[in-house]
């Protein structure tokens, strides 16, 4: 028997979506191919999107943004890939500022979902205010020391996820 691969083809996708700031949004991307393609999403700023406390990527090609921010506006890219190749589709997201959404009451998590601090006091230990936070110290080009408080002090936290990327390829590693 002959093994023949079929390159991915995106059959349906969200083309343009309008939401208000603070709302949940689902972007869809359906693809076919042989073997079954895997789907990835790239943000408007060119970064690969992974599962975080704010985004969920599903195996069926959907991407959920749990609380849209005006900063999320732009052209997302859906990438379906398998051994035979890849296909891409643009998905435009427009997040309109909401007059009822106050970012001061619900601050934007920024580029990381984990609050970090690289400051330490002169003795090398952590400052008192950092005892309840995740902190990063002793940074070098290939290592960092990460400290976090006991989880019983933070209701609802069951684990921490560490993500990093290399400046040579911008792929996030978890």
N, C-alpha and C. Protein backbone atom coordinates (compact mmCIF):
# COMPACT_ATOMS: atom_id res chain seq x y z
N UNK A 1 0.82 -1.19 0.00
CA UNK A 1 0.00 0.00 0.00
C UNK A 1 0.87 1.25 0.00
N UNK A 2 0.35 2.26 -0.60
CA UNK A 2 1.07 3.52 -0.71
C UNK A 2 0.55 4.49 0.33
N UNK A 3 1.48 5.11 1.03
CA UNK A 3 1.10 6.10 2.04
C UNK A 3 1.13 7.48 1.40
N UNK A 4 -0.02 8.12 1.35
CA UNK A 4 -0.11 9.45 0.75
C UNK A 4 -0.66 10.43 1.78
N UNK A 5 0.06 11.50 2.01
CA UNK A 5 -0.39 12.54 2.93
C UNK A 5 -1.16 13.59 2.15
N UNK A 6 -2.16 14.16 2.82
CA UNK A 6 -2.89 15.29 2.24
C UNK A 6 -2.56 16.52 3.07
N UNK A 7 -2.08 17.57 2.43
CA UNK A 7 -1.75 18.78 3.19
C UNK A 7 -3.01 19.38 3.82
N UNK A 8 -2.84 20.12 4.89
CA UNK A 8 -4.00 20.72 5.55
C UNK A 8 -4.71 21.73 4.66
N UNK A 9 -6.01 21.82 4.88
CA UNK A 9 -6.81 22.84 4.22
C UNK A 9 -7.78 23.37 5.27
N UNK A 10 -7.80 24.68 5.43
CA UNK A 10 -8.72 25.29 6.39
C UNK A 10 -10.07 25.42 5.69
N UNK A 11 -11.07 24.73 6.24
CA UNK A 11 -12.38 24.69 5.60
C UNK A 11 -13.32 25.78 6.10
N UNK A 12 -13.19 26.18 7.35
CA UNK A 12 -14.01 27.25 7.92
C UNK A 12 -13.20 27.97 8.97
N UNK A 13 -13.41 29.28 9.07
CA UNK A 13 -12.76 30.05 10.13
C UNK A 13 -13.52 31.35 10.34
N UNK A 14 -13.40 31.88 11.54
CA UNK A 14 -13.96 33.20 11.83
C UNK A 14 -13.18 34.19 10.98
N UNK A 15 -13.87 35.07 10.27
CA UNK A 15 -13.13 36.03 9.46
C UNK A 15 -12.90 37.34 10.22
N UNK A 16 -13.97 37.85 10.86
CA UNK A 16 -13.83 39.09 11.63
C UNK A 16 -14.79 39.03 12.81
N UNK A 17 -14.33 39.43 13.97
CA UNK A 17 -15.14 39.36 15.18
C UNK A 17 -15.06 40.69 15.91
N UNK A 18 -16.22 41.19 16.33
CA UNK A 18 -16.29 42.43 17.11
C UNK A 18 -16.79 42.08 18.51
N UNK A 19 -16.08 42.53 19.55
CA UNK A 19 -16.52 42.33 20.93
C UNK A 19 -16.24 43.59 21.74
N UNK A 20 -16.86 43.65 22.89
CA UNK A 20 -16.59 44.74 23.82
C UNK A 20 -15.51 44.31 24.80
N UNK A 21 -14.74 45.26 25.26
CA UNK A 21 -13.69 45.02 26.24
C UNK A 21 -14.28 44.30 27.46
N UNK A 22 -13.58 43.28 27.95
CA UNK A 22 -14.02 42.54 29.13
C UNK A 22 -14.85 41.32 28.80
N UNK A 23 -15.33 41.18 27.55
CA UNK A 23 -16.14 40.03 27.17
C UNK A 23 -15.26 38.85 26.77
N UNK A 24 -15.87 37.65 26.82
CA UNK A 24 -15.21 36.45 26.32
C UNK A 24 -15.44 36.37 24.82
N UNK A 25 -14.44 35.89 24.08
CA UNK A 25 -14.57 35.75 22.64
C UNK A 25 -14.00 34.39 22.21
N UNK A 26 -14.66 33.77 21.24
CA UNK A 26 -14.20 32.49 20.68
C UNK A 26 -13.88 32.68 19.21
N UNK A 27 -12.64 32.38 18.83
CA UNK A 27 -12.23 32.41 17.44
C UNK A 27 -12.17 30.96 16.96
N UNK A 28 -12.70 30.69 15.77
CA UNK A 28 -12.81 29.32 15.27
C UNK A 28 -11.94 29.11 14.03
N UNK A 29 -11.41 27.89 13.91
CA UNK A 29 -10.61 27.52 12.76
C UNK A 29 -10.73 26.00 12.58
N UNK A 30 -11.39 25.58 11.52
CA UNK A 30 -11.61 24.15 11.24
C UNK A 30 -10.77 23.75 10.04
N UNK A 31 -10.03 22.64 10.16
CA UNK A 31 -9.18 22.20 9.06
C UNK A 31 -9.31 20.70 8.82
N UNK A 32 -8.93 20.28 7.61
CA UNK A 32 -8.89 18.86 7.27
C UNK A 32 -7.53 18.56 6.68
N UNK A 33 -7.18 17.28 6.63
CA UNK A 33 -5.91 16.83 6.06
C UNK A 33 -5.63 15.42 6.55
N UNK A 34 -4.60 14.80 5.98
CA UNK A 34 -4.21 13.45 6.39
C UNK A 34 -2.69 13.41 6.47
N UNK A 35 -2.11 13.22 7.64
CA UNK A 35 -2.77 12.99 8.93
C UNK A 35 -3.52 14.24 9.43
N UNK A 36 -4.37 14.02 10.42
CA UNK A 36 -5.17 15.10 11.01
C UNK A 36 -4.26 16.26 11.39
N UNK A 37 -4.53 17.47 10.89
CA UNK A 37 -3.66 18.61 11.21
C UNK A 37 -3.82 19.06 12.66
N UNK A 38 -2.74 19.60 13.21
CA UNK A 38 -2.83 20.25 14.52
C UNK A 38 -2.94 21.76 14.26
N UNK A 39 -3.66 22.44 15.14
CA UNK A 39 -3.93 23.86 14.94
C UNK A 39 -3.23 24.68 16.01
N UNK A 40 -2.62 25.77 15.58
CA UNK A 40 -1.97 26.72 16.49
C UNK A 40 -2.44 28.11 16.13
N UNK A 41 -2.33 29.00 17.08
CA UNK A 41 -2.73 30.40 16.88
C UNK A 41 -1.55 31.30 17.13
N UNK A 42 -1.43 32.36 16.33
CA UNK A 42 -0.40 33.38 16.51
C UNK A 42 -1.11 34.70 16.74
N UNK A 43 -0.67 35.44 17.75
CA UNK A 43 -1.30 36.73 18.11
C UNK A 43 -0.93 37.81 17.10
N UNK A 44 -1.64 38.93 17.14
CA UNK A 44 -1.32 40.03 16.22
C UNK A 44 0.13 40.52 16.33
N UNK A 45 0.75 40.35 17.51
CA UNK A 45 2.15 40.77 17.65
C UNK A 45 3.15 39.67 17.29
N UNK A 46 2.65 38.57 16.68
CA UNK A 46 3.54 37.53 16.16
C UNK A 46 3.95 36.45 17.14
N UNK A 47 3.32 36.37 18.30
CA UNK A 47 3.69 35.37 19.30
C UNK A 47 2.74 34.18 19.27
N UNK A 48 3.30 32.99 19.44
CA UNK A 48 2.50 31.78 19.52
C UNK A 48 1.67 31.81 20.78
N UNK A 49 0.37 31.51 20.67
CA UNK A 49 -0.53 31.58 21.82
C UNK A 49 -0.65 30.19 22.43
N UNK A 50 -0.52 30.12 23.75
CA UNK A 50 -0.69 28.86 24.47
C UNK A 50 -1.79 29.01 25.50
N UNK A 51 -2.03 27.96 26.25
CA UNK A 51 -3.03 28.00 27.31
C UNK A 51 -2.48 28.78 28.50
N UNK A 52 -3.25 29.80 28.90
CA UNK A 52 -2.89 30.61 30.06
C UNK A 52 -4.16 30.81 30.88
N UNK A 53 -4.09 31.65 31.88
CA UNK A 53 -5.28 31.94 32.67
C UNK A 53 -6.26 32.81 31.88
N UNK A 54 -5.84 33.32 30.72
CA UNK A 54 -6.67 34.20 29.91
C UNK A 54 -7.01 33.63 28.54
N UNK A 55 -6.25 32.64 28.06
CA UNK A 55 -6.50 32.05 26.74
C UNK A 55 -6.55 30.53 26.83
N UNK A 56 -7.45 29.94 26.02
CA UNK A 56 -7.55 28.48 25.94
C UNK A 56 -7.54 28.08 24.47
N UNK A 57 -6.57 27.24 24.09
CA UNK A 57 -6.49 26.71 22.73
C UNK A 57 -7.01 25.27 22.77
N UNK A 58 -7.97 24.97 21.92
CA UNK A 58 -8.57 23.64 21.88
C UNK A 58 -8.04 22.84 20.69
N UNK A 59 -8.04 21.51 20.81
CA UNK A 59 -7.58 20.64 19.73
C UNK A 59 -8.43 20.78 18.47
N UNK A 60 -9.70 21.20 18.62
CA UNK A 60 -10.57 21.34 17.45
C UNK A 60 -10.30 22.62 16.67
N UNK A 61 -9.33 23.43 17.10
CA UNK A 61 -8.96 24.63 16.38
C UNK A 61 -9.52 25.92 16.96
N UNK A 62 -10.33 25.83 18.00
CA UNK A 62 -10.91 27.03 18.61
C UNK A 62 -9.91 27.70 19.55
N UNK A 63 -10.03 29.01 19.66
CA UNK A 63 -9.26 29.79 20.62
C UNK A 63 -10.24 30.63 21.40
N UNK A 64 -10.23 30.49 22.72
CA UNK A 64 -11.07 31.31 23.59
C UNK A 64 -10.19 32.32 24.31
N UNK A 65 -10.60 33.58 24.24
CA UNK A 65 -9.97 34.64 25.04
C UNK A 65 -11.00 34.96 26.11
N UNK A 66 -10.69 34.66 27.36
CA UNK A 66 -11.67 34.73 28.43
C UNK A 66 -12.08 36.15 28.81
N UNK A 67 -11.20 37.11 28.65
CA UNK A 67 -11.52 38.50 28.94
C UNK A 67 -10.77 39.37 27.95
N UNK A 68 -11.46 39.76 26.90
CA UNK A 68 -10.83 40.52 25.82
C UNK A 68 -10.38 41.90 26.30
N UNK A 69 -9.23 42.30 25.83
CA UNK A 69 -8.66 43.61 26.12
C UNK A 69 -8.52 44.37 24.80
N UNK A 70 -8.54 45.68 24.86
CA UNK A 70 -8.35 46.49 23.66
C UNK A 70 -7.01 46.13 23.00
N UNK A 71 -6.03 45.73 23.82
CA UNK A 71 -4.71 45.34 23.31
C UNK A 71 -4.77 44.07 22.46
N UNK A 72 -5.86 43.29 22.57
CA UNK A 72 -6.00 42.07 21.78
C UNK A 72 -6.43 42.36 20.35
N UNK A 73 -6.85 43.58 20.05
CA UNK A 73 -7.31 43.93 18.70
C UNK A 73 -6.20 43.70 17.68
N UNK A 74 -6.59 43.15 16.53
CA UNK A 74 -5.63 42.93 15.46
C UNK A 74 -5.92 41.65 14.71
N UNK A 75 -4.96 41.26 13.87
CA UNK A 75 -5.13 40.08 13.02
C UNK A 75 -4.43 38.87 13.64
N UNK A 76 -5.22 37.92 14.12
CA UNK A 76 -4.70 36.64 14.61
C UNK A 76 -4.50 35.74 13.39
N UNK A 77 -3.60 34.76 13.51
CA UNK A 77 -3.38 33.81 12.43
C UNK A 77 -3.60 32.40 12.94
N UNK A 78 -4.48 31.68 12.26
CA UNK A 78 -4.71 30.26 12.54
C UNK A 78 -3.76 29.48 11.64
N UNK A 79 -3.01 28.55 12.22
CA UNK A 79 -2.07 27.72 11.45
C UNK A 79 -2.44 26.26 11.65
N UNK A 80 -2.81 25.59 10.56
CA UNK A 80 -3.07 24.14 10.59
C UNK A 80 -1.88 23.47 9.94
N UNK A 81 -1.28 22.47 10.62
CA UNK A 81 -0.09 21.84 10.06
C UNK A 81 -0.11 20.33 10.27
N UNK A 82 0.48 19.63 9.33
CA UNK A 82 0.71 18.18 9.45
C UNK A 82 1.99 17.86 8.67
N UNK A 83 2.29 16.56 8.49
CA UNK A 83 3.53 16.15 7.83
C UNK A 83 3.61 16.62 6.37
N UNK A 84 2.47 16.90 5.76
CA UNK A 84 2.45 17.30 4.35
C UNK A 84 2.56 18.81 4.15
N UNK A 85 2.44 19.59 5.21
CA UNK A 85 2.56 21.04 5.05
C UNK A 85 1.72 21.81 6.05
N UNK A 86 1.41 23.05 5.69
CA UNK A 86 0.59 23.88 6.56
C UNK A 86 -0.28 24.82 5.75
N UNK A 87 -1.34 25.27 6.41
CA UNK A 87 -2.25 26.25 5.83
C UNK A 87 -2.51 27.31 6.89
N UNK A 88 -2.71 28.55 6.46
CA UNK A 88 -2.98 29.63 7.41
C UNK A 88 -4.23 30.38 7.01
N UNK A 89 -4.84 31.01 8.00
CA UNK A 89 -6.01 31.86 7.75
C UNK A 89 -5.97 33.03 8.73
N UNK A 90 -6.22 34.24 8.24
CA UNK A 90 -6.26 35.39 9.14
C UNK A 90 -7.63 35.52 9.81
N UNK A 91 -7.62 35.92 11.07
CA UNK A 91 -8.86 36.17 11.82
C UNK A 91 -8.70 37.53 12.49
N UNK A 92 -9.53 38.48 12.11
CA UNK A 92 -9.41 39.82 12.67
C UNK A 92 -10.32 39.96 13.89
N UNK A 93 -9.74 40.48 14.96
CA UNK A 93 -10.49 40.73 16.19
C UNK A 93 -10.47 42.23 16.46
N UNK A 94 -11.66 42.77 16.69
CA UNK A 94 -11.79 44.19 17.04
C UNK A 94 -12.42 44.25 18.43
N UNK A 95 -11.66 44.75 19.39
CA UNK A 95 -12.14 44.89 20.77
C UNK A 95 -12.40 46.36 21.02
N UNK A 96 -13.66 46.70 21.19
CA UNK A 96 -14.06 48.08 21.42
C UNK A 96 -14.03 48.40 22.91
N UNK A 97 -13.54 49.57 23.29
CA UNK A 97 -13.54 49.96 24.71
C UNK A 97 -14.97 50.00 25.24
N UNK A 98 -15.14 49.48 26.43
CA UNK A 98 -16.47 49.47 27.05
C UNK A 98 -16.57 50.60 28.05
N UNK A 99 -17.66 51.35 27.99
CA UNK A 99 -17.82 52.41 28.99
C UNK A 99 -18.11 51.86 30.38
N UNK A 100 -18.48 50.58 30.45
CA UNK A 100 -18.82 49.95 31.73
C UNK A 100 -17.68 49.12 32.30
N UNK A 101 -16.55 48.99 31.56
CA UNK A 101 -15.43 48.17 32.00
C UNK A 101 -14.33 49.08 32.51
N UNK A 102 -13.98 48.96 33.79
CA UNK A 102 -12.95 49.81 34.38
C UNK A 102 -11.70 48.97 34.59
N UNK A 103 -10.64 49.14 33.75
CA UNK A 103 -9.43 48.33 33.91
C UNK A 103 -8.74 48.52 35.25
N UNK A 104 -9.00 49.65 35.95
CA UNK A 104 -8.38 49.85 37.27
C UNK A 104 -8.95 48.86 38.28
N UNK A 105 -10.21 48.47 38.09
CA UNK A 105 -10.81 47.49 38.99
C UNK A 105 -10.40 46.08 38.65
N UNK A 106 -10.04 45.84 37.40
CA UNK A 106 -9.63 44.52 36.93
C UNK A 106 -8.42 44.70 36.03
N UNK A 107 -7.22 44.89 36.61
CA UNK A 107 -6.05 45.26 35.83
C UNK A 107 -5.67 44.20 34.79
N UNK A 108 -5.14 44.69 33.67
CA UNK A 108 -4.66 43.82 32.61
C UNK A 108 -3.48 43.01 33.14
N UNK A 109 -3.46 41.67 32.90
CA UNK A 109 -2.37 40.88 33.43
C UNK A 109 -1.04 41.15 32.75
N UNK A 110 -1.04 41.85 31.62
CA UNK A 110 0.21 42.15 30.93
C UNK A 110 0.72 40.93 30.19
N UNK A 111 2.01 40.92 29.82
CA UNK A 111 2.52 39.84 29.00
C UNK A 111 2.59 38.50 29.72
N UNK A 112 2.61 38.51 31.04
CA UNK A 112 2.65 37.27 31.80
C UNK A 112 1.47 37.22 32.74
N UNK A 113 0.98 36.02 32.98
CA UNK A 113 -0.14 35.86 33.90
C UNK A 113 0.34 35.73 35.34
N UNK A 114 1.64 35.65 35.56
CA UNK A 114 2.20 35.49 36.89
C UNK A 114 2.92 36.77 37.26
N UNK A 115 2.50 37.43 38.36
CA UNK A 115 3.22 38.63 38.76
C UNK A 115 4.64 38.29 39.19
N UNK A 116 5.63 38.96 38.62
CA UNK A 116 7.02 38.66 38.97
C UNK A 116 7.72 39.91 39.43
N UNK A 117 8.77 39.71 40.16
CA UNK A 117 9.61 40.82 40.60
C UNK A 117 11.05 40.38 40.50
N UNK A 118 11.91 41.23 39.96
CA UNK A 118 13.33 40.88 39.89
C UNK A 118 14.14 41.68 40.90
N UNK A 119 13.44 42.39 41.79
CA UNK A 119 14.13 43.20 42.78
C UNK A 119 14.37 42.38 44.05
N UNK A 120 15.50 42.58 44.64
CA UNK A 120 15.76 41.98 45.95
C UNK A 120 16.46 43.03 46.80
N UNK A 121 16.45 42.83 48.11
CA UNK A 121 17.09 43.83 48.96
C UNK A 121 18.60 43.62 48.99
N UNK A 122 19.32 44.51 49.61
CA UNK A 122 20.78 44.48 49.57
C UNK A 122 21.36 43.21 50.17
N UNK A 123 20.68 42.59 51.13
CA UNK A 123 21.21 41.37 51.75
C UNK A 123 20.98 40.15 50.88
N UNK A 124 20.32 40.30 49.74
CA UNK A 124 20.10 39.18 48.84
C UNK A 124 18.81 38.44 49.12
N UNK A 125 18.15 38.74 50.23
CA UNK A 125 16.88 38.08 50.54
C UNK A 125 15.73 38.84 49.92
N UNK A 126 14.54 38.28 50.08
CA UNK A 126 13.37 38.95 49.52
C UNK A 126 12.87 40.04 50.44
N UNK A 127 12.34 41.08 49.85
CA UNK A 127 11.71 42.14 50.63
C UNK A 127 10.42 41.60 51.23
N UNK A 128 9.98 42.17 52.33
CA UNK A 128 8.79 41.70 53.03
C UNK A 128 7.55 41.65 52.14
N UNK A 129 7.37 42.67 51.27
CA UNK A 129 6.18 42.72 50.41
C UNK A 129 6.20 41.62 49.35
N UNK A 130 7.38 41.06 49.03
CA UNK A 130 7.47 40.02 48.02
C UNK A 130 7.21 38.62 48.59
N UNK A 131 7.02 38.51 49.91
CA UNK A 131 6.84 37.18 50.49
C UNK A 131 5.57 36.50 50.00
N UNK A 132 4.57 37.25 49.55
CA UNK A 132 3.32 36.67 49.07
C UNK A 132 3.26 36.65 47.55
N UNK A 133 4.37 36.92 46.87
CA UNK A 133 4.38 36.99 45.41
C UNK A 133 5.40 36.03 44.83
N UNK A 134 5.20 35.68 43.58
CA UNK A 134 6.23 34.96 42.84
C UNK A 134 7.32 35.97 42.54
N UNK A 135 8.58 35.59 42.75
CA UNK A 135 9.67 36.53 42.47
C UNK A 135 10.77 35.82 41.69
N UNK A 136 11.47 36.59 40.88
CA UNK A 136 12.57 36.09 40.08
C UNK A 136 13.81 36.88 40.47
N UNK A 137 14.91 36.17 40.72
CA UNK A 137 16.15 36.86 41.07
C UNK A 137 17.32 36.10 40.46
N UNK A 138 18.50 36.61 40.64
CA UNK A 138 19.73 35.98 40.15
C UNK A 138 19.63 35.64 38.67
N UNK A 139 19.22 36.63 37.86
CA UNK A 139 19.06 36.40 36.43
C UNK A 139 20.40 36.36 35.72
N UNK A 140 20.59 35.35 34.86
CA UNK A 140 21.74 35.29 33.95
C UNK A 140 21.18 35.00 32.56
N UNK A 141 22.07 34.84 31.60
CA UNK A 141 21.60 34.56 30.24
C UNK A 141 21.02 33.15 30.10
N UNK A 142 21.29 32.26 31.08
CA UNK A 142 20.79 30.89 30.95
C UNK A 142 20.09 30.36 32.21
N UNK A 143 19.90 31.21 33.23
CA UNK A 143 19.25 30.71 34.44
C UNK A 143 18.59 31.85 35.22
N UNK A 144 17.71 31.45 36.14
CA UNK A 144 17.04 32.39 37.03
C UNK A 144 16.58 31.61 38.25
N UNK A 145 16.52 32.29 39.39
CA UNK A 145 15.98 31.67 40.60
C UNK A 145 14.55 32.17 40.76
N UNK A 146 13.62 31.22 40.87
CA UNK A 146 12.20 31.57 41.00
C UNK A 146 11.72 31.09 42.36
N UNK A 147 11.09 32.00 43.10
CA UNK A 147 10.56 31.66 44.43
C UNK A 147 9.07 31.97 44.44
N UNK A 148 8.30 31.11 45.11
CA UNK A 148 6.88 31.36 45.27
C UNK A 148 6.45 30.98 46.67
N UNK A 149 5.40 31.64 47.16
CA UNK A 149 4.94 31.39 48.53
C UNK A 149 4.23 30.03 48.63
N UNK A 150 4.07 29.53 49.84
CA UNK A 150 3.28 28.31 50.00
C UNK A 150 1.89 28.54 49.42
N UNK A 151 1.34 27.53 48.77
CA UNK A 151 0.06 27.69 48.09
C UNK A 151 -1.12 27.86 49.03
N UNK A 152 -0.96 27.50 50.29
CA UNK A 152 -2.09 27.65 51.22
C UNK A 152 -2.38 29.12 51.53
N UNK A 153 -1.47 30.04 51.14
CA UNK A 153 -1.69 31.47 51.35
C UNK A 153 -2.43 32.12 50.18
N UNK A 154 -2.58 31.40 49.08
CA UNK A 154 -3.21 31.96 47.89
C UNK A 154 -4.42 31.09 47.53
N UNK A 155 -5.62 31.51 47.89
CA UNK A 155 -6.81 30.71 47.61
C UNK A 155 -6.98 30.48 46.11
N UNK A 156 -7.27 29.24 45.76
CA UNK A 156 -7.54 28.91 44.36
C UNK A 156 -6.32 28.55 43.53
N UNK A 157 -5.10 28.80 44.01
CA UNK A 157 -3.91 28.47 43.24
C UNK A 157 -3.51 27.04 43.55
N UNK A 158 -3.46 26.22 42.51
CA UNK A 158 -3.08 24.82 42.68
C UNK A 158 -1.71 24.52 42.13
N UNK A 159 -1.25 25.35 41.18
CA UNK A 159 0.08 25.13 40.60
C UNK A 159 0.57 26.42 39.95
N UNK A 160 1.84 26.46 39.67
CA UNK A 160 2.42 27.54 38.90
C UNK A 160 2.90 26.96 37.58
N UNK A 161 2.82 27.74 36.52
CA UNK A 161 3.32 27.33 35.22
C UNK A 161 4.39 28.33 34.82
N UNK A 162 5.54 27.82 34.47
CA UNK A 162 6.65 28.68 34.09
C UNK A 162 6.77 28.64 32.57
N UNK A 163 6.88 29.80 31.96
CA UNK A 163 7.04 29.88 30.51
C UNK A 163 8.26 30.71 30.20
N UNK A 164 8.98 30.33 29.18
CA UNK A 164 10.14 31.10 28.74
C UNK A 164 10.27 30.94 27.24
N UNK A 165 11.03 31.82 26.62
CA UNK A 165 11.30 31.67 25.21
C UNK A 165 12.70 32.16 24.90
N UNK A 166 13.21 31.65 23.80
CA UNK A 166 14.52 32.04 23.33
C UNK A 166 14.36 33.21 22.37
N UNK A 167 15.24 34.16 22.43
CA UNK A 167 15.14 35.30 21.52
C UNK A 167 15.46 34.90 20.09
N UNK A 168 16.00 33.69 19.89
CA UNK A 168 16.32 33.27 18.51
C UNK A 168 15.11 32.76 17.75
N UNK A 169 14.06 32.25 18.46
CA UNK A 169 12.92 31.72 17.73
C UNK A 169 11.56 32.18 18.25
N UNK A 170 11.51 32.86 19.38
CA UNK A 170 10.25 33.39 19.96
C UNK A 170 9.19 32.33 20.20
N UNK A 171 9.56 31.07 20.34
CA UNK A 171 8.59 30.01 20.66
C UNK A 171 8.54 29.86 22.17
N UNK A 172 7.33 29.91 22.75
CA UNK A 172 7.18 29.79 24.19
C UNK A 172 7.33 28.33 24.61
N UNK A 173 8.05 28.10 25.70
CA UNK A 173 8.26 26.77 26.26
C UNK A 173 7.60 26.77 27.64
N UNK A 174 6.83 25.74 27.96
CA UNK A 174 6.16 25.63 29.25
C UNK A 174 6.75 24.51 30.05
